[in-house]
PDB file of all heavy atoms in Angstrom:
ATOM      1  N   ILE A   1     -28.092 131.236  68.494  1.00  0.00           N
ATOM      2  CA  ILE A   1     -29.445 131.669  68.108  1.00  0.00           C
ATOM      3  C   ILE A   1     -30.337 131.825  69.337  1.00  0.00           C
ATOM      4  O   ILE A   1     -31.088 132.789  69.460  1.00  0.00           O
ATOM      5  CB  ILE A   1     -30.060 130.673  67.105  1.00  0.00           C
ATOM      6  CG1 ILE A   1     -29.195 130.601  65.830  1.00  0.00           C
ATOM      7  CG2 ILE A   1     -31.492 131.079  66.763  1.00  0.00           C
ATOM      8  CD1 ILE A   1     -29.646 129.562  64.840  1.00  0.00           C
ATOM      9  N   GLY A   2     -30.272 130.881  70.261  1.00  0.00           N
ATOM     10  CA  GLY A   2     -31.013 130.987  71.510  1.00  0.00           C
ATOM     11  C   GLY A   2     -32.341 130.244  71.511  1.00  0.00           C
ATOM     12  O   GLY A   2     -32.903 129.921  70.461  1.00  0.00           O
ATOM     13  N   ARG A   3     -32.845 129.964  72.713  1.00  0.00           N
ATOM     14  CA  ARG A   3     -34.093 129.235  72.890  1.00  0.00           C
ATOM     15  C   ARG A   3     -35.294 130.179  72.938  1.00  0.00           C
ATOM     16  O   ARG A   3     -35.180 131.329  73.345  1.00  0.00           O
ATOM     17  CB  ARG A   3     -34.072 128.436  74.204  1.00  0.00           C
ATOM     18  CG  ARG A   3     -33.111 127.283  74.229  1.00  0.00           C
ATOM     19  CD  ARG A   3     -33.142 126.572  75.578  1.00  0.00           C
ATOM     20  NE  ARG A   3     -32.553 127.384  76.644  1.00  0.00           N
ATOM     21  CZ  ARG A   3     -33.220 127.871  77.670  1.00  0.00           C
ATOM     22  NH1 ARG A   3     -34.520 127.673  77.782  1.00  0.00           N
ATOM     23  NH2 ARG A   3     -32.603 128.562  78.607  1.00  0.00           N
ATOM     24  N   ILE A   4     -36.441 129.652  72.544  1.00  0.00           N
ATOM     25  CA  ILE A   4     -37.704 130.356  72.737  1.00  0.00           C
ATOM     26  C   ILE A   4     -38.013 130.390  74.225  1.00  0.00           C
ATOM     27  O   ILE A   4     -37.805 129.399  74.937  1.00  0.00           O
ATOM     28  CB  ILE A   4     -38.841 129.647  71.967  1.00  0.00           C
ATOM     29  CG1 ILE A   4     -38.676 129.868  70.463  1.00  0.00           C
ATOM     30  CG2 ILE A   4     -40.211 130.122  72.426  1.00  0.00           C
ATOM     31  CD1 ILE A   4     -39.673 129.094  69.626  1.00  0.00           C
ATOM     32  N   LYS A   5     -38.502 131.509  74.709  1.00  0.00           N
ATOM     33  CA  LYS A   5     -38.841 131.635  76.124  1.00  0.00           C
ATOM     34  C   LYS A   5     -39.892 130.595  76.511  1.00  0.00           C
ATOM     35  O   LYS A   5     -40.913 130.445  75.847  1.00  0.00           O
ATOM     36  CB  LYS A   5     -39.369 133.043  76.416  1.00  0.00           C
ATOM     37  CG  LYS A   5     -39.634 133.306  77.889  1.00  0.00           C
ATOM     38  CD  LYS A   5     -40.091 134.740  78.122  1.00  0.00           C
ATOM     39  CE  LYS A   5     -40.339 135.002  79.602  1.00  0.00           C
ATOM     40  NZ  LYS A   5     -40.793 136.393  79.849  1.00  0.00           N
ATOM     41  N   GLY A   6     -39.622 129.885  77.580  1.00  0.00           N
ATOM     42  CA  GLY A   6     -40.539 128.857  78.052  1.00  0.00           C
ATOM     43  C   GLY A   6     -40.150 127.459  77.658  1.00  0.00           C
ATOM     44  O   GLY A   6     -40.674 126.480  78.200  1.00  0.00           O
ATOM     45  N   VAL A   7     -39.213 127.321  76.721  1.00  0.00           N
ATOM     46  CA  VAL A   7     -38.736 126.007  76.292  1.00  0.00           C
ATOM     47  C   VAL A   7     -37.422 125.709  76.999  1.00  0.00           C
ATOM     48  O   VAL A   7     -36.422 126.401  76.770  1.00  0.00           O
ATOM     49  CB  VAL A   7     -38.543 125.949  74.760  1.00  0.00           C
ATOM     50  CG1 VAL A   7     -37.983 124.595  74.349  1.00  0.00           C
ATOM     51  CG2 VAL A   7     -39.855 126.221  74.049  1.00  0.00           C
ATOM     52  N   ASP A   8     -37.424 124.713  77.870  1.00  0.00           N
ATOM     53  CA  ASP A   8     -36.197 124.367  78.594  1.00  0.00           C
ATOM     54  C   ASP A   8     -35.186 123.655  77.710  1.00  0.00           C
ATOM     55  O   ASP A   8     -33.999 123.953  77.756  1.00  0.00           O
ATOM     56  CB  ASP A   8     -36.541 123.476  79.797  1.00  0.00           C
ATOM     57  CG  ASP A   8     -37.319 124.237  80.847  1.00  0.00           C
ATOM     58  OD1 ASP A   8     -36.700 125.047  81.548  1.00  0.00           O
ATOM     59  OD2 ASP A   8     -38.541 124.039  80.950  1.00  0.00           O
ATOM     60  N   ARG A   9     -35.674 122.709  76.916  1.00  0.00           N
ATOM     61  CA  ARG A   9     -34.795 121.974  76.017  1.00  0.00           C
ATOM     62  C   ARG A   9     -35.492 121.797  74.662  1.00  0.00           C
ATOM     63  O   ARG A   9     -36.523 121.135  74.589  1.00  0.00           O
ATOM     64  CB  ARG A   9     -34.458 120.595  76.581  1.00  0.00           C
ATOM     65  CG  ARG A   9     -33.581 120.630  77.824  1.00  0.00           C
ATOM     66  CD  ARG A   9     -33.136 119.224  78.181  1.00  0.00           C
ATOM     67  NE  ARG A   9     -32.347 119.179  79.399  1.00  0.00           N
ATOM     68  CZ  ARG A   9     -31.818 118.072  79.902  1.00  0.00           C
ATOM     69  NH1 ARG A   9     -32.001 116.913  79.279  1.00  0.00           N
ATOM     70  NH2 ARG A   9     -31.114 118.119  81.017  1.00  0.00           N
ATOM     71  N   PRO A  10     -34.950 122.376  73.609  1.00  0.00           N
ATOM     72  CA  PRO A  10     -35.521 122.142  72.276  1.00  0.00           C
ATOM     73  C   PRO A  10     -35.471 120.656  71.927  1.00  0.00           C
ATOM     74  O   PRO A  10     -34.607 119.916  72.416  1.00  0.00           O
ATOM     75  CB  PRO A  10     -34.598 122.959  71.360  1.00  0.00           C
ATOM     76  CG  PRO A  10     -34.034 124.022  72.250  1.00  0.00           C
ATOM     77  CD  PRO A  10     -33.849 123.354  73.583  1.00  0.00           C
ATOM     78  N   GLY A  11     -36.385 120.232  71.104  1.00  0.00           N
ATOM     79  CA  GLY A  11     -36.446 118.838  70.690  1.00  0.00           C
ATOM     80  C   GLY A  11     -36.162 118.685  69.210  1.00  0.00           C
ATOM     81  O   GLY A  11     -36.611 119.484  68.393  1.00  0.00           O
ATOM     82  N   MET A  12     -35.406 117.645  68.870  1.00  0.00           N
ATOM     83  CA  MET A  12     -35.152 117.332  67.471  1.00  0.00           C
ATOM     84  C   MET A  12     -36.334 116.528  66.942  1.00  0.00           C
ATOM     85  O   MET A  12     -36.680 115.482  67.487  1.00  0.00           O
ATOM     86  CB  MET A  12     -33.847 116.540  67.326  1.00  0.00           C
ATOM     87  CG  MET A  12     -33.369 116.392  65.895  1.00  0.00           C
ATOM     88  SD  MET A  12     -32.754 117.946  65.182  1.00  0.00           S
ATOM     89  CE  MET A  12     -31.083 117.976  65.832  1.00  0.00           C
ATOM     90  N   THR A  13     -36.940 117.036  65.888  1.00  0.00           N
ATOM     91  CA  THR A  13     -38.207 116.505  65.387  1.00  0.00           C
ATOM     92  C   THR A  13     -38.037 115.966  63.974  1.00  0.00           C
ATOM     93  O   THR A  13     -37.444 116.633  63.124  1.00  0.00           O
ATOM     94  CB  THR A  13     -39.269 117.616  65.367  1.00  0.00           C
ATOM     95  OG1 THR A  13     -39.309 118.237  66.648  1.00  0.00           O
ATOM     96  CG2 THR A  13     -40.633 117.074  65.007  1.00  0.00           C
ATOM     97  N   THR A  14     -38.555 114.780  63.728  1.00  0.00           N
ATOM     98  CA  THR A  14     -38.494 114.233  62.379  1.00  0.00           C
ATOM     99  C   THR A  14     -39.865 113.748  61.958  1.00  0.00           C
ATOM    100  O   THR A  14     -40.746 113.499  62.785  1.00  0.00           O
ATOM    101  CB  THR A  14     -37.475 113.072  62.296  1.00  0.00           C
ATOM    102  OG1 THR A  14     -37.202 112.768  60.927  1.00  0.00           O
ATOM    103  CG2 THR A  14     -38.008 111.820  62.998  1.00  0.00           C
ATOM    104  N   THR A  15     -40.056 113.628  60.657  1.00  0.00           N
ATOM    105  CA  THR A  15     -41.310 113.131  60.090  1.00  0.00           C
ATOM    106  C   THR A  15     -41.056 111.789  59.420  1.00  0.00           C
ATOM    107  O   THR A  15     -40.146 111.661  58.603  1.00  0.00           O
ATOM    108  CB  THR A  15     -41.877 114.123  59.063  1.00  0.00           C
ATOM    109  OG1 THR A  15     -42.070 115.395  59.697  1.00  0.00           O
ATOM    110  CG2 THR A  15     -43.205 113.642  58.515  1.00  0.00           C
ATOM    111  N   LEU A  16     -41.856 110.800  59.780  1.00  0.00           N
ATOM    112  CA  LEU A  16     -41.700 109.449  59.250  1.00  0.00           C
ATOM    113  C   LEU A  16     -42.994 109.009  58.572  1.00  0.00           C
ATOM    114  O   LEU A  16     -44.077 109.505  58.891  1.00  0.00           O
ATOM    115  CB  LEU A  16     -41.345 108.478  60.385  1.00  0.00           C
ATOM    116  CG  LEU A  16     -39.963 108.666  61.011  1.00  0.00           C
ATOM    117  CD1 LEU A  16     -39.821 107.819  62.274  1.00  0.00           C
ATOM    118  CD2 LEU A  16     -38.878 108.294  60.015  1.00  0.00           C
ATOM    119  N   PRO A  17     -42.896 108.055  57.638  1.00  0.00           N
ATOM    120  CA  PRO A  17     -44.100 107.615  56.920  1.00  0.00           C
ATOM    121  C   PRO A  17     -45.010 106.758  57.787  1.00  0.00           C
ATOM    122  O   PRO A  17     -44.543 105.963  58.615  1.00  0.00           O
ATOM    123  CB  PRO A  17     -43.529 106.790  55.759  1.00  0.00           C
ATOM    124  CG  PRO A  17     -42.204 106.306  56.256  1.00  0.00           C
ATOM    125  CD  PRO A  17     -41.670 107.410  57.119  1.00  0.00           C
ATOM    126  N   ALA A  18     -46.292 106.929  57.622  1.00  0.00           N
ATOM    127  CA  ALA A  18     -47.290 106.071  58.252  1.00  0.00           C
ATOM    128  C   ALA A  18     -47.912 105.213  57.153  1.00  0.00           C
ATOM    129  O   ALA A  18     -48.341 105.733  56.128  1.00  0.00           O
ATOM    130  CB  ALA A  18     -48.358 106.908  58.953  1.00  0.00           C
ATOM    131  N   LEU A  19     -47.939 103.919  57.365  1.00  0.00           N
ATOM    132  CA  LEU A  19     -48.415 103.007  56.330  1.00  0.00           C
ATOM    133  C   LEU A  19     -49.914 102.791  56.397  1.00  0.00           C
ATOM    134  O   LEU A  19     -50.499 102.154  55.527  1.00  0.00           O
ATOM    135  CB  LEU A  19     -47.683 101.662  56.459  1.00  0.00           C
ATOM    136  CG  LEU A  19     -46.153 101.755  56.447  1.00  0.00           C
ATOM    137  CD1 LEU A  19     -45.532 100.373  56.508  1.00  0.00           C
ATOM    138  CD2 LEU A  19     -45.669 102.493  55.205  1.00  0.00           C
ATOM    139  N   ALA A  20     -50.546 103.293  57.455  1.00  0.00           N
ATOM    140  CA  ALA A  20     -51.995 103.173  57.600  1.00  0.00           C
ATOM    141  C   ALA A  20     -52.477 104.375  58.405  1.00  0.00           C
ATOM    142  O   ALA A  20     -51.678 105.150  58.922  1.00  0.00           O
ATOM    143  CB  ALA A  20     -52.364 101.862  58.298  1.00  0.00           C
ATOM    144  N   GLY A  21     -53.779 104.513  58.516  1.00  0.00           N
ATOM    145  CA  GLY A  21     -54.314 105.614  59.299  1.00  0.00           C
ATOM    146  C   GLY A  21     -54.730 106.782  58.439  1.00  0.00           C
ATOM    147  O   GLY A  21     -54.514 106.795  57.225  1.00  0.00           O
ATOM    148  N   PRO A  22     -55.310 107.813  59.052  1.00  0.00           N
ATOM    149  CA  PRO A  22     -55.835 108.962  58.303  1.00  0.00           C
ATOM    150  C   PRO A  22     -54.752 109.834  57.678  1.00  0.00           C
ATOM    151  O   PRO A  22     -55.011 110.546  56.713  1.00  0.00           O
ATOM    152  CB  PRO A  22     -56.629 109.739  59.360  1.00  0.00           C
ATOM    153  CG  PRO A  22     -56.012 109.349  60.667  1.00  0.00           C
ATOM    154  CD  PRO A  22     -55.592 107.922  60.496  1.00  0.00           C
ATOM    155  N   GLU A  23     -53.539 109.827  58.254  1.00  0.00           N
ATOM    156  CA  GLU A  23     -52.448 110.650  57.724  1.00  0.00           C
ATOM    157  C   GLU A  23     -51.374 109.745  57.118  1.00  0.00           C
ATOM    158  O   GLU A  23     -51.243 108.571  57.482  1.00  0.00           O
ATOM    159  CB  GLU A  23     -51.832 111.503  58.834  1.00  0.00           C
ATOM    160  CG  GLU A  23     -52.836 112.333  59.610  1.00  0.00           C
ATOM    161  CD  GLU A  23     -53.521 113.394  58.776  1.00  0.00           C
ATOM    162  OE1 GLU A  23     -52.962 113.797  57.745  1.00  0.00           O
ATOM    163  OE2 GLU A  23     -54.632 113.815  59.151  1.00  0.00           O
ATOM    164  N   ASP A  24     -50.573 110.285  56.179  1.00  0.00           N
ATOM    165  CA  ASP A  24     -49.542 109.474  55.542  1.00  0.00           C
ATOM    166  C   ASP A  24     -48.187 109.618  56.215  1.00  0.00           C
ATOM    167  O   ASP A  24     -47.190 109.100  55.725  1.00  0.00           O
ATOM    168  CB  ASP A  24     -49.429 109.829  54.058  1.00  0.00           C
ATOM    169  CG  ASP A  24     -48.976 111.261  53.822  1.00  0.00           C
ATOM    170  OD1 ASP A  24     -48.824 112.022  54.810  1.00  0.00           O
ATOM    171  OD2 ASP A  24     -48.780 111.640  52.653  1.00  0.00           O
TER     172      ASP A  24
END
């Protein structure tokens, strides 16, 4: 598929729960 120009290494991103704060 290939990398976006300007990105040297793509990052694996995950979403985790926040138990407090403005966002969940």
